[in-house]
Amino acid sequence: MALPPRSLLSILGRVPCFDMGCCMTTAQILLILVITLQLADILSTYLVISKGVGQEANPVLIPLFKALGALPALLLVKGAVIAALLYLRADLPVELLGLIAAGYAWVVWHNFGILKGK
């Protein structure tokens, strides 16, 4: 089955729509992924800390955790990160979004690995 003619444009940065009426750029997909990973990082970090099986490794966040508590500090910092991502979204290169997504995918994977005892 032949792809629609706009599929050539899909290769150049858009996900194919196939006449469904919704096309997203690679940057938009990565932005959604990064935001989702930020939320997963909140959950996984909070679970690791609240269960006492690990601690925050980011030296910037440790003083905030001590001052505010784990969950408020996570919500504050991750909320600011998500707000910055949304504000800067038009200026963020796709490659940077990809690197951020890869980094946070590792962090979330690592946190859930700690929770599983691995």
N, C-alpha and C. Protein backbone atom coordinates (compact mmCIF):
# COMPACT_ATOMS: atom_id res chain seq x y z
N MET A 1 0.84 -1.17 0.00
CA MET A 1 0.00 0.00 0.00
C MET A 1 0.89 1.24 0.00
N ALA A 2 0.63 2.16 -0.86
CA ALA A 2 1.44 3.37 -0.99
C ALA A 2 1.09 4.36 0.11
N LEU A 3 2.12 5.05 0.58
CA LEU A 3 1.91 6.08 1.59
C LEU A 3 1.38 7.34 0.92
N PRO A 4 0.66 8.16 1.66
CA PRO A 4 0.18 9.42 1.10
C PRO A 4 1.37 10.31 0.71
N PRO A 5 1.18 11.22 -0.24
CA PRO A 5 2.28 12.07 -0.69
C PRO A 5 2.93 12.88 0.42
N ARG A 6 2.21 13.26 1.44
CA ARG A 6 2.81 14.06 2.50
C ARG A 6 3.77 13.25 3.37
N SER A 7 3.90 11.94 3.12
CA SER A 7 4.81 11.14 3.92
C SER A 7 6.26 11.58 3.74
N LEU A 8 6.61 12.17 2.58
CA LEU A 8 7.94 12.71 2.39
C LEU A 8 8.21 13.82 3.40
N LEU A 9 7.22 14.65 3.66
CA LEU A 9 7.36 15.69 4.68
C LEU A 9 7.49 15.07 6.06
N SER A 10 6.87 13.92 6.27
CA SER A 10 6.95 13.24 7.55
C SER A 10 8.39 12.86 7.86
N ILE A 11 9.11 12.42 6.85
CA ILE A 11 10.50 12.04 7.04
C ILE A 11 11.31 13.26 7.44
N LEU A 12 10.91 14.42 7.02
CA LEU A 12 11.65 15.64 7.30
C LEU A 12 11.25 16.31 8.61
N GLY A 13 10.53 15.63 9.47
CA GLY A 13 10.27 16.20 10.79
C GLY A 13 8.85 16.09 11.30
N ARG A 14 7.97 15.50 10.56
CA ARG A 14 6.60 15.34 11.05
C ARG A 14 6.24 13.86 11.08
N VAL A 15 5.45 13.51 12.06
CA VAL A 15 4.95 12.15 12.14
C VAL A 15 3.82 12.02 11.12
N PRO A 16 3.78 10.89 10.41
CA PRO A 16 2.73 10.75 9.39
C PRO A 16 1.33 10.84 9.99
N CYS A 17 0.44 11.52 9.29
CA CYS A 17 -0.94 11.64 9.76
C CYS A 17 -1.82 10.56 9.15
N PHE A 18 -1.55 10.19 7.92
CA PHE A 18 -2.38 9.22 7.21
C PHE A 18 -3.84 9.60 7.25
N ASP A 19 -4.08 10.88 6.96
CA ASP A 19 -5.43 11.44 6.85
C ASP A 19 -6.24 11.36 8.14
N MET A 20 -5.58 11.33 9.28
CA MET A 20 -6.30 11.34 10.55
C MET A 20 -6.48 12.76 11.07
N GLY A 21 -5.86 13.72 10.42
CA GLY A 21 -6.06 15.11 10.79
C GLY A 21 -5.18 15.60 11.92
N CYS A 22 -4.25 14.81 12.40
CA CYS A 22 -3.40 15.24 13.51
C CYS A 22 -1.95 14.89 13.20
N CYS A 23 -1.18 15.90 12.92
CA CYS A 23 0.26 15.70 12.70
C CYS A 23 1.02 16.39 13.81
N MET A 24 2.03 15.72 14.31
CA MET A 24 2.87 16.32 15.34
C MET A 24 4.31 16.30 14.86
N THR A 25 5.04 17.34 15.19
CA THR A 25 6.45 17.37 14.84
C THR A 25 7.23 16.48 15.79
N THR A 26 8.43 16.15 15.39
CA THR A 26 9.31 15.38 16.25
C THR A 26 9.55 16.15 17.55
N ALA A 27 9.73 17.45 17.45
CA ALA A 27 9.95 18.28 18.65
C ALA A 27 8.75 18.21 19.59
N GLN A 28 7.53 18.22 19.06
CA GLN A 28 6.34 18.14 19.90
C GLN A 28 6.27 16.80 20.61
N ILE A 29 6.58 15.73 19.90
CA ILE A 29 6.56 14.39 20.51
C ILE A 29 7.61 14.31 21.61
N LEU A 30 8.80 14.81 21.33
CA LEU A 30 9.87 14.78 22.34
C LEU A 30 9.52 15.65 23.54
N LEU A 31 8.88 16.78 23.31
CA LEU A 31 8.46 17.64 24.42
C LEU A 31 7.46 16.91 25.32
N ILE A 32 6.50 16.25 24.72
CA ILE A 32 5.54 15.46 25.50
C ILE A 32 6.25 14.35 26.27
N LEU A 33 7.21 13.69 25.61
CA LEU A 33 7.97 12.64 26.28
C LEU A 33 8.77 13.18 27.46
N VAL A 34 9.44 14.32 27.27
CA VAL A 34 10.24 14.91 28.35
C VAL A 34 9.35 15.31 29.53
N ILE A 35 8.20 15.89 29.25
CA ILE A 35 7.28 16.27 30.33
C ILE A 35 6.78 15.03 31.06
N THR A 36 6.45 14.00 30.32
CA THR A 36 6.01 12.74 30.92
C THR A 36 7.11 12.15 31.79
N LEU A 37 8.34 12.21 31.31
CA LEU A 37 9.46 11.70 32.09
C LEU A 37 9.72 12.54 33.34
N GLN A 38 9.46 13.85 33.27
CA GLN A 38 9.57 14.69 34.47
C GLN A 38 8.58 14.21 35.53
N LEU A 39 7.36 13.93 35.10
CA LEU A 39 6.34 13.45 36.03
C LEU A 39 6.71 12.08 36.59
N ALA A 40 7.25 11.22 35.74
CA ALA A 40 7.70 9.90 36.19
C ALA A 40 8.87 10.02 37.16
N ASP A 41 9.71 11.03 36.95
CA ASP A 41 10.83 11.26 37.86
C ASP A 41 10.33 11.70 39.24
N ILE A 42 9.31 12.55 39.26
CA ILE A 42 8.71 12.94 40.54
C ILE A 42 8.24 11.70 41.29
N LEU A 43 7.46 10.89 40.61
CA LEU A 43 6.89 9.69 41.24
C LEU A 43 7.99 8.74 41.71
N SER A 44 8.92 8.40 40.81
CA SER A 44 9.92 7.40 41.16
C SER A 44 10.89 7.91 42.24
N THR A 45 11.27 9.16 42.16
CA THR A 45 12.16 9.72 43.19
C THR A 45 11.46 9.75 44.54
N TYR A 46 10.20 10.19 44.55
CA TYR A 46 9.47 10.25 45.80
C TYR A 46 9.32 8.84 46.41
N LEU A 47 9.02 7.85 45.58
CA LEU A 47 8.88 6.49 46.09
C LEU A 47 10.19 5.96 46.66
N VAL A 48 11.29 6.21 45.96
CA VAL A 48 12.60 5.76 46.44
C VAL A 48 12.91 6.38 47.80
N ILE A 49 12.67 7.68 47.92
CA ILE A 49 12.99 8.37 49.17
C ILE A 49 12.02 7.99 50.29
N SER A 50 10.72 7.95 49.98
CA SER A 50 9.74 7.66 51.03
C SER A 50 9.84 6.22 51.53
N LYS A 51 10.30 5.31 50.70
CA LYS A 51 10.47 3.92 51.13
C LYS A 51 11.82 3.69 51.81
N GLY A 52 12.66 4.73 51.78
CA GLY A 52 13.96 4.63 52.45
C GLY A 52 14.96 3.73 51.75
N VAL A 53 14.78 3.50 50.46
CA VAL A 53 15.71 2.61 49.74
C VAL A 53 16.75 3.37 48.92
N GLY A 54 16.71 4.70 49.00
CA GLY A 54 17.67 5.52 48.27
C GLY A 54 17.56 6.96 48.72
N GLN A 55 18.36 7.81 48.12
CA GLN A 55 18.35 9.22 48.46
C GLN A 55 18.56 10.04 47.20
N GLU A 56 18.26 11.31 47.30
CA GLU A 56 18.46 12.22 46.16
C GLU A 56 19.95 12.35 45.87
N ALA A 57 20.31 12.22 44.60
CA ALA A 57 21.72 12.30 44.21
C ALA A 57 22.10 13.67 43.65
N ASN A 58 21.10 14.49 43.31
CA ASN A 58 21.37 15.79 42.71
C ASN A 58 21.76 16.78 43.82
N PRO A 59 23.01 17.27 43.81
CA PRO A 59 23.45 18.17 44.89
C PRO A 59 22.70 19.50 44.94
N VAL A 60 22.09 19.88 43.84
CA VAL A 60 21.30 21.11 43.83
C VAL A 60 19.98 20.91 44.58
N LEU A 61 19.42 19.72 44.49
CA LEU A 61 18.13 19.45 45.10
C LEU A 61 18.22 19.08 46.59
N ILE A 62 19.33 18.56 47.02
CA ILE A 62 19.44 18.09 48.41
C ILE A 62 19.08 19.18 49.43
N PRO A 63 19.61 20.43 49.31
CA PRO A 63 19.21 21.46 50.27
C PRO A 63 17.71 21.78 50.21
N LEU A 64 17.13 21.74 49.01
CA LEU A 64 15.69 21.98 48.90
C LEU A 64 14.89 20.86 49.57
N PHE A 65 15.36 19.64 49.43
CA PHE A 65 14.69 18.52 50.09
C PHE A 65 14.70 18.72 51.60
N LYS A 66 15.84 19.16 52.12
CA LYS A 66 15.97 19.37 53.57
C LYS A 66 15.09 20.53 54.03
N ALA A 67 15.01 21.58 53.22
CA ALA A 67 14.25 22.77 53.61
C ALA A 67 12.75 22.59 53.45
N LEU A 68 12.33 21.96 52.36
CA LEU A 68 10.90 21.88 52.03
C LEU A 68 10.28 20.51 52.22
N GLY A 69 11.10 19.48 52.21
CA GLY A 69 10.59 18.12 52.17
C GLY A 69 10.68 17.60 50.74
N ALA A 70 10.69 16.30 50.59
CA ALA A 70 10.92 15.69 49.27
C ALA A 70 9.84 16.06 48.25
N LEU A 71 8.59 15.81 48.58
CA LEU A 71 7.53 16.04 47.59
C LEU A 71 7.37 17.51 47.23
N PRO A 72 7.31 18.44 48.18
CA PRO A 72 7.21 19.85 47.79
C PRO A 72 8.40 20.32 46.94
N ALA A 73 9.60 19.86 47.29
CA ALA A 73 10.78 20.25 46.51
C ALA A 73 10.71 19.69 45.10
N LEU A 74 10.32 18.44 44.98
CA LEU A 74 10.18 17.83 43.65
C LEU A 74 9.14 18.56 42.82
N LEU A 75 7.99 18.85 43.41
CA LEU A 75 6.92 19.54 42.67
C LEU A 75 7.36 20.94 42.25
N LEU A 76 8.07 21.63 43.13
CA LEU A 76 8.53 22.98 42.81
C LEU A 76 9.54 22.95 41.66
N VAL A 77 10.54 22.12 41.78
CA VAL A 77 11.61 22.09 40.78
C VAL A 77 11.10 21.54 39.45
N LYS A 78 10.39 20.44 39.49
CA LYS A 78 9.89 19.84 38.25
C LYS A 78 8.82 20.73 37.61
N GLY A 79 8.03 21.40 38.42
CA GLY A 79 7.07 22.36 37.87
C GLY A 79 7.77 23.49 37.14
N ALA A 80 8.87 23.97 37.73
CA ALA A 80 9.65 25.03 37.08
C ALA A 80 10.29 24.52 35.79
N VAL A 81 10.79 23.29 35.80
CA VAL A 81 11.39 22.71 34.60
C VAL A 81 10.34 22.57 33.50
N ILE A 82 9.17 22.06 33.84
CA ILE A 82 8.10 21.90 32.85
C ILE A 82 7.66 23.27 32.32
N ALA A 83 7.53 24.24 33.20
CA ALA A 83 7.16 25.59 32.76
C ALA A 83 8.21 26.16 31.80
N ALA A 84 9.49 25.97 32.12
CA ALA A 84 10.56 26.45 31.25
C ALA A 84 10.54 25.74 29.90
N LEU A 85 10.30 24.44 29.91
CA LEU A 85 10.21 23.70 28.65
C LEU A 85 9.08 24.22 27.78
N LEU A 86 7.94 24.47 28.39
CA LEU A 86 6.80 24.97 27.62
C LEU A 86 7.04 26.38 27.11
N TYR A 87 7.69 27.20 27.92
CA TYR A 87 7.98 28.58 27.52
C TYR A 87 9.00 28.62 26.38
N LEU A 88 10.02 27.77 26.47
CA LEU A 88 11.11 27.78 25.50
C LEU A 88 10.92 26.82 24.33
N ARG A 89 9.80 26.16 24.26
CA ARG A 89 9.63 25.05 23.32
C ARG A 89 9.96 25.39 21.88
N ALA A 90 9.68 26.60 21.44
CA ALA A 90 9.96 26.96 20.05
C ALA A 90 11.45 27.11 19.79
N ASP A 91 12.22 27.36 20.84
CA ASP A 91 13.65 27.60 20.67
C ASP A 91 14.52 26.39 21.00
N LEU A 92 13.91 25.31 21.46
CA LEU A 92 14.69 24.14 21.86
C LEU A 92 14.98 23.25 20.66
N PRO A 93 16.25 23.00 20.37
CA PRO A 93 16.57 22.10 19.25
C PRO A 93 16.09 20.67 19.54
N VAL A 94 15.69 19.99 18.51
CA VAL A 94 15.22 18.61 18.64
C VAL A 94 16.30 17.74 19.29
N GLU A 95 17.54 17.98 18.93
CA GLU A 95 18.64 17.18 19.49
C GLU A 95 18.74 17.36 21.00
N LEU A 96 18.53 18.57 21.48
CA LEU A 96 18.57 18.83 22.92
C LEU A 96 17.42 18.12 23.62
N LEU A 97 16.24 18.21 23.04
CA LEU A 97 15.08 17.50 23.62
C LEU A 97 15.34 15.99 23.66
N GLY A 98 15.96 15.47 22.62
CA GLY A 98 16.29 14.05 22.59
C GLY A 98 17.27 13.67 23.69
N LEU A 99 18.28 14.50 23.91
CA LEU A 99 19.25 14.24 24.98
C LEU A 99 18.59 14.32 26.36
N ILE A 100 17.74 15.32 26.55
CA ILE A 100 17.03 15.45 27.83
C ILE A 100 16.15 14.23 28.06
N ALA A 101 15.44 13.80 27.03
CA ALA A 101 14.57 12.62 27.15
C ALA A 101 15.39 11.38 27.49
N ALA A 102 16.52 11.20 26.82
CA ALA A 102 17.37 10.04 27.10
C ALA A 102 17.89 10.07 28.53
N GLY A 103 18.32 11.25 28.98
CA GLY A 103 18.83 11.37 30.34
C GLY A 103 17.77 11.06 31.39
N TYR A 104 16.60 11.61 31.21
CA TYR A 104 15.54 11.36 32.20
C TYR A 104 14.96 9.96 32.08
N ALA A 105 15.01 9.37 30.91
CA ALA A 105 14.60 7.97 30.78
C ALA A 105 15.51 7.09 31.63
N TRP A 106 16.82 7.41 31.60
CA TRP A 106 17.76 6.65 32.43
C TRP A 106 17.47 6.86 33.90
N VAL A 107 17.23 8.11 34.31
CA VAL A 107 16.97 8.41 35.72
C VAL A 107 15.75 7.64 36.21
N VAL A 108 14.67 7.67 35.44
CA VAL A 108 13.44 6.97 35.84
C VAL A 108 13.68 5.46 35.87
N TRP A 109 14.37 4.93 34.86
CA TRP A 109 14.69 3.51 34.82
C TRP A 109 15.52 3.13 36.06
N HIS A 110 16.51 3.95 36.38
CA HIS A 110 17.36 3.70 37.54
C HIS A 110 16.55 3.73 38.84
N ASN A 111 15.68 4.74 38.99
CA ASN A 111 14.86 4.83 40.20
C ASN A 111 13.96 3.61 40.37
N PHE A 112 13.31 3.18 39.29
CA PHE A 112 12.44 2.01 39.41
C PHE A 112 13.26 0.74 39.63
N GLY A 113 14.47 0.71 39.12
CA GLY A 113 15.38 -0.41 39.41
C GLY A 113 15.70 -0.48 40.89
N ILE A 114 15.94 0.67 41.52
CA ILE A 114 16.19 0.71 42.96
C ILE A 114 14.96 0.19 43.70
N LEU A 115 13.79 0.60 43.27
CA LEU A 115 12.56 0.14 43.93
C LEU A 115 12.38 -1.37 43.82
N LYS A 116 12.81 -1.93 42.70
CA LYS A 116 12.69 -3.38 42.51
C LYS A 116 13.80 -4.15 43.21
N GLY A 117 14.77 -3.41 43.74
CA GLY A 117 15.87 -4.07 44.46
C GLY A 117 17.00 -4.53 43.56
N LYS A 118 17.14 -3.91 42.40
CA LYS A 118 18.21 -4.32 41.48
C LYS A 118 19.30 -3.28 41.44
